[in-house]
Amino acid sequence: MCDRFMQLSNLNEKIKSNIKEAQLINQREDAMNWSQTDFGKLKFLSGDFSPYFLIATLAKNYQLSIEQLANGAFIRIDAANL
């Protein structure tokens, strides 16, 4: 899972970096009074990828903390004495 998550994390970082670069390119085009380049596919890719990356992040965090969740101090709480 860790290698796969790292691949997804790297892909997410590349998408974010490319979006920032696309915004910079569009700003420069505006400054030159040129028509803006359409980066719609990049924004579409980001929107499609985001929910899957969120699920992968939640799964990774769960996997890393399952031992603590299952055997942590809260398991010793006695509900009858609350």
PDB file of N, CA and C in Angstrom:
ATOM      1  N   MET A   1       0.829  -1.199   0.000  1.00  0.00           N
ATOM      2  CA  MET A   1       0.000   0.000   0.000  1.00  0.00           C
ATOM      3  C   MET A   1       0.862   1.246   0.000  1.00  0.00           C
ATOM      4  N   CYS A   2       1.968   1.212   0.693  1.00  0.00           N
ATOM      5  CA  CYS A   2       2.792   2.409   0.829  1.00  0.00           C
ATOM      6  C   CYS A   2       3.364   2.843  -0.521  1.00  0.00           C
ATOM      7  N   ASP A   3       3.869   1.889  -1.311  1.00  0.00           N
ATOM      8  CA  ASP A   3       4.415   2.238  -2.630  1.00  0.00           C
ATOM      9  C   ASP A   3       3.329   2.798  -3.530  1.00  0.00           C
ATOM     10  N   ARG A   4       2.152   2.190  -3.504  1.00  0.00           N
ATOM     11  CA  ARG A   4       1.053   2.675  -4.322  1.00  0.00           C
ATOM     12  C   ARG A   4       0.616   4.061  -3.871  1.00  0.00           C
ATOM     13  N   PHE A   5       0.574   4.259  -2.569  1.00  0.00           N
ATOM     14  CA  PHE A   5       0.180   5.579  -2.072  1.00  0.00           C
ATOM     15  C   PHE A   5       1.210   6.626  -2.456  1.00  0.00           C
ATOM     16  N   MET A   6       2.476   6.276  -2.406  1.00  0.00           N
ATOM     17  CA  MET A   6       3.518   7.223  -2.796  1.00  0.00           C
ATOM     18  C   MET A   6       3.375   7.595  -4.270  1.00  0.00           C
ATOM     19  N   GLN A   7       3.009   6.635  -5.113  1.00  0.00           N
ATOM     20  CA  GLN A   7       2.784   6.930  -6.520  1.00  0.00           C
ATOM     21  C   GLN A   7       1.607   7.889  -6.686  1.00  0.00           C
ATOM     22  N   LEU A   8       0.534   7.634  -5.948  1.00  0.00           N
ATOM     23  CA  LEU A   8      -0.626   8.526  -6.003  1.00  0.00           C
ATOM     24  C   LEU A   8      -0.280   9.906  -5.461  1.00  0.00           C
ATOM     25  N   SER A   9       0.506   9.941  -4.404  1.00  0.00           N
ATOM     26  CA  SER A   9       0.910  11.211  -3.815  1.00  0.00           C
ATOM     27  C   SER A   9       1.775  12.006  -4.790  1.00  0.00           C
ATOM     28  N   ASN A  10       2.690  11.322  -5.463  1.00  0.00           N
ATOM     29  CA  ASN A  10       3.532  11.994  -6.458  1.00  0.00           C
ATOM     30  C   ASN A  10       2.690  12.524  -7.609  1.00  0.00           C
ATOM     31  N   LEU A  11       1.727  11.730  -8.049  1.00  0.00           N
ATOM     32  CA  LEU A  11       0.841  12.171  -9.122  1.00  0.00           C
ATOM     33  C   LEU A  11       0.032  13.386  -8.689  1.00  0.00           C
ATOM     34  N   ASN A  12      -0.458  13.380  -7.466  1.00  0.00           N
ATOM     35  CA  ASN A  12      -1.213  14.516  -6.942  1.00  0.00           C
ATOM     36  C   ASN A  12      -0.349  15.778  -6.913  1.00  0.00           C
ATOM     37  N   GLU A  13       0.893  15.641  -6.487  1.00  0.00           N
ATOM     38  CA  GLU A  13       1.803  16.790  -6.454  1.00  0.00           C
ATOM     39  C   GLU A  13       2.084  17.316  -7.859  1.00  0.00           C
ATOM     40  N   LYS A  14       2.239  16.405  -8.819  1.00  0.00           N
ATOM     41  CA  LYS A  14       2.472  16.826 -10.205  1.00  0.00           C
ATOM     42  C   LYS A  14       1.264  17.577 -10.765  1.00  0.00           C
ATOM     43  N   ILE A  15       0.085  17.090 -10.464  1.00  0.00           N
ATOM     44  CA  ILE A  15      -1.132  17.766 -10.920  1.00  0.00           C
ATOM     45  C   ILE A  15      -1.202  19.168 -10.328  1.00  0.00           C
ATOM     46  N   LYS A  16      -0.959  19.292  -9.012  1.00  0.00           N
ATOM     47  CA  LYS A  16      -0.984  20.604  -8.367  1.00  0.00           C
ATOM     48  C   LYS A  16       0.060  21.539  -8.962  1.00  0.00           C
ATOM     49  N   SER A  17       1.247  21.014  -9.203  1.00  0.00           N
ATOM     50  CA  SER A  17       2.323  21.816  -9.773  1.00  0.00           C
ATOM     51  C   SER A  17       1.963  22.286 -11.182  1.00  0.00           C
ATOM     52  N   ASN A  18       1.380  21.405 -11.957  1.00  0.00           N
ATOM     53  CA  ASN A  18       0.993  21.779 -13.321  1.00  0.00           C
ATOM     54  C   ASN A  18      -0.139  22.797 -13.337  1.00  0.00           C
ATOM     55  N   ILE A  19      -1.037  22.725 -12.377  1.00  0.00           N
ATOM     56  CA  ILE A  19      -2.108  23.720 -12.289  1.00  0.00           C
ATOM     57  C   ILE A  19      -1.527  25.094 -11.966  1.00  0.00           C
ATOM     58  N   LYS A  20      -0.568  25.140 -11.048  1.00  0.00           N
ATOM     59  CA  LYS A  20       0.078  26.417 -10.728  1.00  0.00           C
ATOM     60  C   LYS A  20       0.810  26.972 -11.947  1.00  0.00           C
ATOM     61  N   GLU A  21       1.484  26.098 -12.686  1.00  0.00           N
ATOM     62  CA  GLU A  21       2.192  26.533 -13.882  1.00  0.00           C
ATOM     63  C   GLU A  21       1.208  27.030 -14.941  1.00  0.00           C
ATOM     64  N   ALA A  22       0.083  26.351 -15.082  1.00  0.00           N
ATOM     65  CA  ALA A  22      -0.939  26.781 -16.045  1.00  0.00           C
ATOM     66  C   ALA A  22      -1.477  28.155 -15.670  1.00  0.00           C
ATOM     67  N   GLN A  23      -1.697  28.400 -14.381  1.00  0.00           N
ATOM     68  CA  GLN A  23      -2.168  29.706 -13.935  1.00  0.00           C
ATOM     69  C   GLN A  23      -1.140  30.790 -14.237  1.00  0.00           C
ATOM     70  N   LEU A  24       0.132  30.475 -14.033  1.00  0.00           N
ATOM     71  CA  LEU A  24       1.202  31.427 -14.328  1.00  0.00           C
ATOM     72  C   LEU A  24       1.246  31.736 -15.825  1.00  0.00           C
ATOM     73  N   ILE A  25       1.123  30.714 -16.646  1.00  0.00           N
ATOM     74  CA  ILE A  25       1.111  30.916 -18.099  1.00  0.00           C
ATOM     75  C   ILE A  25      -0.058  31.807 -18.500  1.00  0.00           C
ATOM     76  N   ASN A  26      -1.232  31.555 -17.946  1.00  0.00           N
ATOM     77  CA  ASN A  26      -2.407  32.371 -18.262  1.00  0.00           C
ATOM     78  C   ASN A  26      -2.226  33.815 -17.809  1.00  0.00           C
ATOM     79  N   GLN A  27      -1.588  34.028 -16.664  1.00  0.00           N
ATOM     80  CA  GLN A  27      -1.322  35.391 -16.191  1.00  0.00           C
ATOM     81  C   GLN A  27      -0.384  36.127 -17.142  1.00  0.00           C
ATOM     82  N   ARG A  28       0.627  35.415 -17.605  1.00  0.00           N
ATOM     83  CA  ARG A  28       1.578  36.027 -18.539  1.00  0.00           C
ATOM     84  C   ARG A  28       0.905  36.326 -19.874  1.00  0.00           C
ATOM     85  N   GLU A  29       0.030  35.446 -20.308  1.00  0.00           N
ATOM     86  CA  GLU A  29      -0.705  35.683 -21.553  1.00  0.00           C
ATOM     87  C   GLU A  29      -1.608  36.906 -21.415  1.00  0.00           C
ATOM     88  N   ASP A  30      -2.241  37.041 -20.249  1.00  0.00           N
ATOM     89  CA  ASP A  30      -3.057  38.235 -19.992  1.00  0.00           C
ATOM     90  C   ASP A  30      -2.214  39.504 -20.050  1.00  0.00           C
ATOM     91  N   ALA A  31      -1.027  39.456 -19.473  1.00  0.00           N
ATOM     92  CA  ALA A  31      -0.148  40.620 -19.454  1.00  0.00           C
ATOM     93  C   ALA A  31       0.265  41.036 -20.868  1.00  0.00           C
ATOM     94  N   MET A  32       0.343  40.066 -21.745  1.00  0.00           N
ATOM     95  CA  MET A  32       0.739  40.344 -23.138  1.00  0.00           C
ATOM     96  C   MET A  32      -0.477  40.591 -24.039  1.00  0.00           C
ATOM     97  N   ASN A  33      -1.671  40.566 -23.438  1.00  0.00           N
ATOM     98  CA  ASN A  33      -2.929  40.713 -24.182  1.00  0.00           C
ATOM     99  C   ASN A  33      -3.102  39.625 -25.244  1.00  0.00           C
ATOM    100  N   TRP A  34      -2.643  38.442 -24.914  1.00  0.00           N
ATOM    101  CA  TRP A  34      -2.820  37.278 -25.784  1.00  0.00           C
ATOM    102  C   TRP A  34      -4.025  36.499 -25.289  1.00  0.00           C
ATOM    103  N   SER A  35      -4.565  35.674 -26.160  1.00  0.00           N
ATOM    104  CA  SER A  35      -5.656  34.801 -25.710  1.00  0.00           C
ATOM    105  C   SER A  35      -5.076  33.717 -24.804  1.00  0.00           C
ATOM    106  N   GLN A  36      -5.857  33.355 -23.805  1.00  0.00           N
ATOM    107  CA  GLN A  36      -5.376  32.379 -22.833  1.00  0.00           C
ATOM    108  C   GLN A  36      -5.407  30.965 -23.395  1.00  0.00           C
ATOM    109  N   THR A  37      -4.408  30.195 -23.020  1.00  0.00           N
ATOM    110  CA  THR A  37      -4.357  28.788 -23.368  1.00  0.00           C
ATOM    111  C   THR A  37      -5.384  28.050 -22.533  1.00  0.00           C
ATOM    112  N   ASP A  38      -6.078  27.126 -23.149  1.00  0.00           N
ATOM    113  CA  ASP A  38      -7.107  26.360 -22.446  1.00  0.00           C
ATOM    114  C   ASP A  38      -6.460  25.167 -21.742  1.00  0.00           C
ATOM    115  N   PHE A  39      -6.532  25.179 -20.422  1.00  0.00           N
ATOM    116  CA  PHE A  39      -6.035  24.081 -19.613  1.00  0.00           C
ATOM    117  C   PHE A  39      -7.204  23.330 -18.967  1.00  0.00           C
ATOM    118  N   GLY A  40      -8.323  23.274 -19.670  1.00  0.00           N
ATOM    119  CA  GLY A  40      -9.529  22.635 -19.147  1.00  0.00           C
ATOM    120  C   GLY A  40      -9.344  21.161 -18.826  1.00  0.00           C
ATOM    121  N   LYS A  41      -8.564  20.480 -19.656  1.00  0.00           N
ATOM    122  CA  LYS A  41      -8.344  19.043 -19.412  1.00  0.00           C
ATOM    123  C   LYS A  41      -7.582  18.815 -18.105  1.00  0.00           C
ATOM    124  N   LEU A  42      -6.659  19.723 -17.799  1.00  0.00           N
ATOM    125  CA  LEU A  42      -5.906  19.611 -16.549  1.00  0.00           C
ATOM    126  C   LEU A  42      -6.822  19.815 -15.351  1.00  0.00           C
ATOM    127  N   LYS A  43      -7.705  20.784 -15.419  1.00  0.00           N
ATOM    128  CA  LYS A  43      -8.662  21.020 -14.330  1.00  0.00           C
ATOM    129  C   LYS A  43      -9.636  19.854 -14.208  1.00  0.00           C
ATOM    130  N   PHE A  44     -10.036  19.296 -15.350  1.00  0.00           N
ATOM    131  CA  PHE A  44     -10.917  18.133 -15.343  1.00  0.00           C
ATOM    132  C   PHE A  44     -10.215  16.949 -14.694  1.00  0.00           C
ATOM    133  N   LEU A  45      -8.941  16.738 -15.038  1.00  0.00           N
ATOM    134  CA  LEU A  45      -8.148  15.649 -14.456  1.00  0.00           C
ATOM    135  C   LEU A  45      -8.035  15.821 -12.945  1.00  0.00           C
ATOM    136  N   SER A  46      -7.775  17.045 -12.517  1.00  0.00           N
ATOM    137  CA  SER A  46      -7.655  17.323 -11.090  1.00  0.00           C
ATOM    138  C   SER A  46      -8.960  17.018 -10.361  1.00  0.00           C
ATOM    139  N   GLY A  47     -10.070  17.434 -10.942  1.00  0.00           N
ATOM    140  CA  GLY A  47     -11.371  17.184 -10.324  1.00  0.00           C
ATOM    141  C   GLY A  47     -11.718  15.708 -10.261  1.00  0.00           C
ATOM    142  N   ASP A  48     -11.335  14.966 -11.289  1.00  0.00           N
ATOM    143  CA  ASP A  48     -11.600  13.523 -11.301  1.00  0.00           C
ATOM    144  C   ASP A  48     -10.691  12.771 -10.331  1.00  0.00           C
ATOM    145  N   PHE A  49      -9.456  13.207 -10.219  1.00  0.00           N
ATOM    146  CA  PHE A  49      -8.471  12.499  -9.402  1.00  0.00           C
ATOM    147  C   PHE A  49      -8.653  12.766  -7.909  1.00  0.00           C
ATOM    148  N   SER A  50      -9.094  13.942  -7.571  1.00  0.00           N
ATOM    149  CA  SER A  50      -9.174  14.377  -6.177  1.00  0.00           C
ATOM    150  C   SER A  50      -9.946  13.428  -5.250  1.00  0.00           C
ATOM    151  N   PRO A  51     -11.149  12.964  -5.608  1.00  0.00           N
ATOM    152  CA  PRO A  51     -11.863  12.071  -4.691  1.00  0.00           C
ATOM    153  C   PRO A  51     -11.149  10.738  -4.461  1.00  0.00           C
ATOM    154  N   TYR A  52     -10.517  10.228  -5.502  1.00  0.00           N
ATOM    155  CA  TYR A  52      -9.798   8.960  -5.365  1.00  0.00           C
ATOM    156  C   TYR A  52      -8.561   9.120  -4.487  1.00  0.00           C
ATOM    157  N   PHE A  53      -7.904  10.258  -4.615  1.00  0.00           N
ATOM    158  CA  PHE A  53      -6.743  10.505  -3.769  1.00  0.00           C
ATOM    159  C   PHE A  53      -7.168  10.679  -2.313  1.00  0.00           C
ATOM    160  N   LEU A  54      -8.305  11.308  -2.093  1.00  0.00           N
ATOM    161  CA  LEU A  54      -8.826  11.464  -0.736  1.00  0.00           C
ATOM    162  C   LEU A  54      -9.114  10.098  -0.110  1.00  0.00           C
ATOM    163  N   ILE A  55      -9.742   9.216  -0.867  1.00  0.00           N
ATOM    164  CA  ILE A  55     -10.039   7.871  -0.357  1.00  0.00           C
ATOM    165  C   ILE A  55      -8.749   7.128  -0.049  1.00  0.00           C
ATOM    166  N   ALA A  56      -7.758   7.235  -0.925  1.00  0.00           N
ATOM    167  CA  ALA A  56      -6.473   6.570  -0.693  1.00  0.00           C
ATOM    168  C   ALA A  56      -5.798   7.124   0.555  1.00  0.00           C
ATOM    169  N   THR A  57      -5.902   8.422   0.769  1.00  0.00           N
ATOM    170  CA  THR A  57      -5.311   9.052   1.953  1.00  0.00           C
ATOM    171  C   THR A  57      -6.004   8.563   3.219  1.00  0.00           C
ATOM    172  N   LEU A  58      -7.327   8.503   3.194  1.00  0.00           N
ATOM    173  CA  LEU A  58      -8.073   8.005   4.354  1.00  0.00           C
ATOM    174  C   LEU A  58      -7.738   6.551   4.642  1.00  0.00           C
ATOM    175  N   ALA A  59      -7.618   5.734   3.596  1.00  0.00           N
ATOM    176  CA  ALA A  59      -7.276   4.317   3.777  1.00  0.00           C
ATOM    177  C   ALA A  59      -5.884   4.163   4.363  1.00  0.00           C
ATOM    178  N   LYS A  60      -4.942   4.976   3.887  1.00  0.00           N
ATOM    179  CA  LYS A  60      -3.574   4.911   4.417  1.00  0.00           C
ATOM    180  C   LYS A  60      -3.555   5.302   5.889  1.00  0.00           C
ATOM    181  N   ASN A  61      -4.235   6.387   6.221  1.00  0.00           N
ATOM    182  CA  ASN A  61      -4.276   6.829   7.617  1.00  0.00           C
ATOM    183  C   ASN A  61      -4.932   5.789   8.511  1.00  0.00           C
ATOM    184  N   TYR A  62      -5.980   5.145   8.015  1.00  0.00           N
ATOM    185  CA  TYR A  62      -6.649   4.095   8.782  1.00  0.00           C
ATOM    186  C   TYR A  62      -5.704   2.922   8.993  1.00  0.00           C
ATOM    187  N   GLN A  63      -5.019   2.520   7.924  1.00  0.00           N
ATOM    188  CA  GLN A  63      -4.114   1.382   8.020  1.00  0.00           C
ATOM    189  C   GLN A  63      -2.983   1.662   9.015  1.00  0.00           C
ATOM    190  N   LEU A  64      -2.501   2.893   9.019  1.00  0.00           N
ATOM    191  CA  LEU A  64      -1.417   3.237   9.933  1.00  0.00           C
ATOM    192  C   LEU A  64      -1.881   3.319  11.387  1.00  0.00           C
ATOM    193  N   SER A  65      -3.162   3.592  11.614  1.00  0.00           N
ATOM    194  CA  SER A  65      -3.628   3.781  12.986  1.00  0.00           C
ATOM    195  C   SER A  65      -4.531   2.656  13.492  1.00  0.00           C
ATOM    196  N   ILE A  66      -4.745   1.598  12.723  1.00  0.00           N
ATOM    197  CA  ILE A  66      -5.661   0.537  13.139  1.00  0.00           C
ATOM    198  C   ILE A  66      -5.193  -0.144  14.425  1.00  0.00           C
ATOM    199  N   GLU A  67      -3.902  -0.336  14.569  1.00  0.00           N
ATOM    200  CA  GLU A  67      -3.387  -0.970  15.785  1.00  0.00           C
ATOM    201  C   GLU A  67      -3.731  -0.131  17.018  1.00  0.00           C
ATOM    202  N   GLN A  68      -3.531   1.164  16.920  1.00  0.00           N
ATOM    203  CA  GLN A  68      -3.846   2.049  18.037  1.00  0.00           C
ATOM    204  C   GLN A  68      -5.355   2.095  18.264  1.00  0.00           C
ATOM    205  N   LEU A  69      -6.132   2.094  17.197  1.00  0.00           N
ATOM    206  CA  LEU A  69      -7.588   2.120  17.345  1.00  0.00           C
ATOM    207  C   LEU A  69      -8.099   0.846  18.003  1.00  0.00           C
ATOM    208  N   ALA A  70      -7.508  -0.279  17.635  1.00  0.00           N
ATOM    209  CA  ALA A  70      -7.971  -1.563  18.153  1.00  0.00           C
ATOM    210  C   ALA A  70      -7.471  -1.830  19.566  1.00  0.00           C
ATOM    211  N   ASN A  71      -6.270  -1.378  19.889  1.00  0.00           N
ATOM    212  CA  ASN A  71      -5.662  -1.737  21.173  1.00  0.00           C
ATOM    213  C   ASN A  71      -5.296  -0.533  22.020  1.00  0.00           C
ATOM    214  N   GLY A  72      -5.783   0.630  21.648  1.00  0.00           N
ATOM    215  CA  GLY A  72      -5.421   1.847  22.367  1.00  0.00           C
ATOM    216  C   GLY A  72      -6.089   1.940  23.728  1.00  0.00           C
ATOM    217  N   ALA A  73      -5.787   2.982  24.433  1.00  0.00           N
ATOM    218  CA  ALA A  73      -6.261   3.169  25.806  1.00  0.00           C
ATOM    219  C   ALA A  73      -7.782   3.272  25.882  1.00  0.00           C
ATOM    220  N   PHE A  74      -8.432   3.769  24.852  1.00  0.00           N
ATOM    221  CA  PHE A  74      -9.880   3.944  24.937  1.00  0.00           C
ATOM    222  C   PHE A  74     -10.620   2.611  25.008  1.00  0.00           C
ATOM    223  N   ILE A  75      -9.982   1.521  24.613  1.00  0.00           N
ATOM    224  CA  ILE A  75     -10.630   0.209  24.664  1.00  0.00           C
ATOM    225  C   ILE A  75     -10.819  -0.257  26.115  1.00  0.00           C
ATOM    226  N   ARG A  76     -10.061   0.326  27.006  1.00  0.00           N
ATOM    227  CA  ARG A  76     -10.152  -0.052  28.421  1.00  0.00           C
ATOM    228  C   ARG A  76     -11.235   0.734  29.176  1.00  0.00           C
ATOM    229  N   ILE A  77     -11.936   1.616  28.483  1.00  0.00           N
ATOM    230  CA  ILE A  77     -12.974   2.414  29.117  1.00  0.00           C
ATOM    231  C   ILE A  77     -14.122   1.507  29.538  1.00  0.00           C
ATOM    232  N   ASP A  78     -14.544   1.627  30.758  1.00  0.00           N
ATOM    233  CA  ASP A  78     -15.639   0.832  31.275  1.00  0.00           C
ATOM    234  C   ASP A  78     -16.910   1.673  31.196  1.00  0.00           C
ATOM    235  N   ALA A  79     -17.768   1.352  30.248  1.00  0.00           N
ATOM    236  CA  ALA A  79     -18.975   2.141  30.014  1.00  0.00           C
ATOM    237  C   ALA A  79     -19.920   2.132  31.210  1.00  0.00           C
ATOM    238  N   ALA A  80     -19.911   1.066  32.006  1.00  0.00           N
ATOM    239  CA  ALA A  80     -20.822   0.973  33.166  1.00  0.00           C
ATOM    240  C   ALA A  80     -20.460   1.978  34.237  1.00  0.00           C
ATOM    241  N   ASN A  81     -19.215   2.391  34.298  1.00  0.00           N
ATOM    242  CA  ASN A  81     -18.764   3.322  35.336  1.00  0.00           C
ATOM    243  C   ASN A  81     -18.758   4.773  34.876  1.00  0.00           C
ATOM    244  N   LEU A  82     -19.284   5.056  33.715  1.00  0.00           N
ATOM    245  CA  LEU A  82     -19.305   6.448  33.244  1.00  0.00           C
ATOM    246  C   LEU A  82     -20.406   7.246  33.859  1.00  0.00           C
TER     247      LEU A  82
END
